[in-house]
Amino acid sequence: ESVKLESVQTASGAGGWNMAGQFSGTYPMIRFNAANVGKYSSIGNNNDGGFHFLTNGTSGTVGTTAMAISAAGNVGIGTTTPWAQLSVNPNGISGPAFVIGSSTATNFIVTNGGEVGVGTSNPGNQLVVYGNNSGSDTSGITEKIEQAGSGDAVLTWLLTGTRRWTAGIDNSDSDKFKIANTNTSGTFDDSTNF
């Protein structure tokens, strides 16, 4: 039979455990009650083999699922149906979806609008790489495109269905650096001749 195990914490610090039936017709859970503020947090099975972590509940509500683990082992933050090993759904939040670092020293960020920033907490485009140092080409801001095989190391800009430009090293032509589109091209050789 489904049960609810509830820890009650009073304002004075005294507490205890209560065990009762399934809470309000929901899945079996353990509820933690901060009685002095009337707020509940809960963990429980969601009746399909998964597990939910709920916050901001009240005496009559289970609260909102903050994190869910599906029966397949997928983890969801902001979603109860994670479709990848880690799914983050930032709908309804004001802050970023994912951050490494802090608000004053951000190393990597994904905003809730899908913008990605490296070295910045406020990327204004789909991808922003920011640095503020005096480093050289090996210790400053560096983005590397490396080819370990026989192909070319190139960067491509594309206007869908209209025009494509590429810039990079042509492995099949003495490792020359080339800038090209579908109609014209330019080449730098080892002597920086163009």
Protein backbone atom coordinates (compact mmCIF):
# COMPACT_ATOMS: atom_id res chain seq x y z
CA GLU A 1 0.00 0.00 0.00
CA SER A 2 1.22 3.51 -0.80
CA VAL A 3 2.32 5.57 2.17
CA LYS A 4 3.37 9.13 2.94
CA LEU A 5 6.20 9.61 5.41
CA GLU A 6 6.27 13.15 6.74
CA SER A 7 8.94 14.90 8.81
CA VAL A 8 7.48 17.83 10.76
CA GLN A 9 9.81 20.64 11.88
CA THR A 10 8.33 23.25 14.22
CA ALA A 11 9.49 26.81 14.81
CA SER A 12 11.04 25.78 18.13
CA GLY A 13 13.15 23.07 16.50
CA ALA A 14 11.16 20.11 17.81
CA GLY A 15 10.30 17.62 15.11
CA GLY A 16 9.05 14.13 14.42
CA TRP A 17 7.91 11.66 11.79
CA ASN A 18 4.35 10.95 10.72
CA MET A 19 3.31 8.12 8.43
CA ALA A 20 0.01 8.26 6.60
CA GLY A 21 -1.66 7.08 3.42
CA GLN A 22 -1.02 8.29 -0.09
CA PHE A 23 -1.19 12.10 -0.21
CA SER A 24 -4.20 13.62 -2.01
CA GLY A 25 -4.40 10.80 -4.54
CA THR A 26 -0.88 11.44 -5.84
CA TYR A 27 2.07 9.08 -6.04
CA PRO A 28 3.72 7.71 -2.88
CA MET A 29 6.13 10.21 -1.36
CA ILE A 30 8.08 11.43 1.62
CA ARG A 31 7.16 14.99 2.61
CA PHE A 32 9.27 17.40 4.66
CA ASN A 33 7.29 20.08 6.47
CA ALA A 34 8.75 23.39 7.65
CA ALA A 35 5.77 24.04 9.91
CA ASN A 36 6.90 27.52 10.92
CA VAL A 37 6.54 28.77 7.32
CA GLY A 38 3.94 26.29 6.09
CA LYS A 39 6.10 25.02 3.19
CA TYR A 40 6.64 21.43 2.10
CA SER A 41 9.28 19.66 0.01
CA SER A 42 8.69 16.13 -1.21
CA ILE A 43 10.35 13.20 -2.92
CA GLY A 44 8.48 10.29 -4.39
CA ASN A 45 7.74 7.73 -7.06
CA ASN A 46 5.62 8.96 -9.97
CA ASN A 47 3.92 5.57 -10.53
CA ASP A 48 5.97 4.69 -13.63
CA GLY A 49 9.21 3.71 -11.93
CA GLY A 50 10.63 7.22 -11.96
CA PHE A 51 11.39 9.59 -9.11
CA HIS A 52 10.38 13.22 -8.47
CA PHE A 53 11.77 16.01 -6.28
CA LEU A 54 9.09 18.60 -5.48
CA THR A 55 9.37 22.04 -3.87
CA ASN A 56 7.14 24.85 -2.59
CA GLY A 57 4.25 22.64 -1.54
CA THR A 58 1.60 23.47 1.06
CA SER A 59 -0.48 21.38 3.43
CA GLY A 60 -2.96 20.76 0.62
CA THR A 61 -0.68 20.63 -2.44
CA VAL A 62 2.35 18.56 -3.37
CA GLY A 63 4.17 21.52 -4.94
CA THR A 64 6.09 21.79 -8.19
CA THR A 65 8.44 19.19 -9.63
CA ALA A 66 11.91 20.77 -9.59
CA MET A 67 13.72 17.66 -10.82
CA ALA A 68 12.60 14.31 -12.19
CA ILE A 69 14.39 11.06 -12.90
CA SER A 70 12.59 8.85 -15.40
CA ALA A 71 12.37 5.08 -15.23
CA ALA A 72 15.03 5.00 -17.98
CA GLY A 73 17.41 7.05 -15.83
CA ASN A 74 17.05 10.36 -17.70
CA VAL A 75 17.25 13.45 -15.48
CA GLY A 76 14.97 16.44 -16.06
CA ILE A 77 15.25 19.91 -14.54
CA GLY A 78 12.17 22.00 -15.22
CA THR A 79 10.49 19.07 -16.96
CA THR A 80 8.78 15.89 -15.78
CA THR A 81 9.45 14.07 -19.08
CA PRO A 82 13.21 14.26 -19.77
CA TRP A 83 14.01 12.95 -23.25
CA ALA A 84 17.82 12.97 -22.91
CA GLN A 85 20.17 11.83 -20.15
CA LEU A 86 20.04 15.44 -18.93
CA SER A 87 17.15 17.67 -20.07
CA VAL A 88 16.90 21.27 -18.88
CA ASN A 89 13.71 23.19 -19.67
CA PRO A 90 14.10 26.87 -18.73
CA ASN A 91 10.51 27.88 -19.52
CA GLY A 92 9.17 30.32 -16.98
CA ILE A 93 12.48 31.20 -15.33
CA SER A 94 14.17 34.60 -15.33
CA GLY A 95 17.76 33.39 -15.01
CA PRO A 96 19.97 31.31 -17.30
CA ALA A 97 19.32 27.66 -18.11
CA PHE A 98 22.88 26.52 -17.38
CA VAL A 99 25.99 28.20 -15.94
CA ILE A 100 29.56 27.28 -15.08
CA GLY A 101 30.98 30.02 -12.85
CA SER A 102 29.19 32.87 -11.09
CA SER A 103 27.31 36.02 -12.09
CA THR A 104 30.56 38.00 -11.79
CA ALA A 105 32.99 35.43 -13.21
CA THR A 106 31.13 33.39 -15.79
CA ASN A 107 33.10 30.75 -17.69
CA PHE A 108 30.22 29.28 -19.71
CA ILE A 109 26.52 30.07 -19.93
CA VAL A 110 23.44 28.95 -21.85
CA THR A 111 20.62 31.48 -21.51
CA ASN A 112 16.97 30.50 -21.34
CA GLY A 113 16.73 31.85 -24.90
CA GLY A 114 19.37 29.41 -26.17
CA GLU A 115 22.26 31.87 -26.49
CA VAL A 116 25.71 30.54 -25.57
CA GLY A 117 28.43 32.63 -23.95
CA VAL A 118 32.04 31.80 -23.13
CA GLY A 119 33.71 34.29 -20.80
CA THR A 120 30.56 36.42 -20.57
CA SER A 121 27.36 36.29 -18.52
CA ASN A 122 25.33 38.19 -21.12
CA PRO A 123 25.76 36.85 -24.67
CA GLY A 124 23.76 38.94 -27.10
CA ASN A 125 24.02 36.48 -29.98
CA GLN A 126 23.76 32.75 -30.54
CA LEU A 127 27.47 32.33 -29.69
CA VAL A 128 29.74 34.89 -28.02
CA VAL A 129 33.35 34.26 -26.96
CA TYR A 130 34.71 37.09 -24.81
CA GLY A 131 38.11 37.76 -23.30
CA ASN A 132 39.79 40.74 -21.67
CA ASN A 133 43.51 40.06 -21.43
CA SER A 134 46.84 40.82 -23.07
CA GLY A 135 47.61 37.29 -24.23
CA SER A 136 49.14 36.32 -27.54
CA ASP A 137 47.67 34.04 -30.18
CA THR A 138 48.42 31.07 -27.91
CA SER A 139 47.34 32.48 -24.55
CA GLY A 140 44.67 35.02 -25.49
CA ILE A 141 41.24 34.34 -26.96
CA THR A 142 41.74 31.32 -29.17
CA GLU A 143 39.26 29.23 -31.10
CA LYS A 144 40.87 26.20 -32.67
CA ILE A 145 39.82 24.29 -35.76
CA GLU A 146 42.07 21.24 -35.98
CA GLN A 147 42.15 18.51 -38.61
CA ALA A 148 43.98 15.30 -37.67
CA GLY A 149 43.09 13.45 -40.87
CA SER A 150 43.53 14.14 -44.56
CA GLY A 151 40.65 16.63 -44.82
CA ASP A 152 40.73 20.42 -44.64
CA ALA A 153 40.51 22.59 -41.51
CA VAL A 154 37.93 25.20 -42.49
CA LEU A 155 35.28 27.55 -41.17
CA THR A 156 32.14 28.06 -43.25
CA TRP A 157 29.63 30.94 -43.45
CA LEU A 158 26.40 30.10 -45.24
CA LEU A 159 23.38 32.06 -46.42
CA THR A 160 20.93 29.21 -46.90
CA GLY A 161 20.30 28.58 -50.56
CA THR A 162 22.23 31.71 -51.60
CA ARG A 163 25.95 31.91 -50.90
CA ARG A 164 28.69 30.08 -49.02
CA TRP A 165 32.11 31.39 -47.98
CA THR A 166 34.86 29.23 -46.50
CA ALA A 167 38.20 30.08 -44.93
CA GLY A 168 40.80 27.58 -43.86
CA ILE A 169 43.74 25.32 -44.64
CA ASP A 170 43.61 23.29 -47.85
CA ASN A 171 45.30 20.01 -46.93
CA SER A 172 45.38 18.86 -50.55
CA ASP A 173 47.19 22.00 -51.81
CA SER A 174 50.39 22.24 -49.76
CA ASP A 175 48.47 23.40 -46.66
CA LYS A 176 47.71 26.83 -48.14
CA PHE A 177 45.24 29.09 -46.38
CA LYS A 178 42.30 29.89 -48.67
CA ILE A 179 39.28 32.17 -48.63
CA ALA A 180 36.67 31.18 -51.16
CA ASN A 181 33.04 31.22 -52.23
CA THR A 182 31.34 29.40 -55.06
CA ASN A 183 32.66 31.85 -57.66
CA THR A 184 35.98 33.32 -56.47
CA SER A 185 38.85 32.43 -54.18
CA GLY A 186 42.05 33.79 -52.70
CA THR A 187 45.10 31.93 -51.43
CA PHE A 188 47.85 32.66 -48.90
CA ASP A 189 51.00 30.53 -49.22
CA ASP A 190 53.73 29.95 -46.62
CA SER A 191 55.39 33.21 -47.60
CA THR A 192 52.11 35.10 -46.97
CA ASN A 193 51.77 35.83 -50.68
CA PHE A 194 48.15 36.31 -51.72
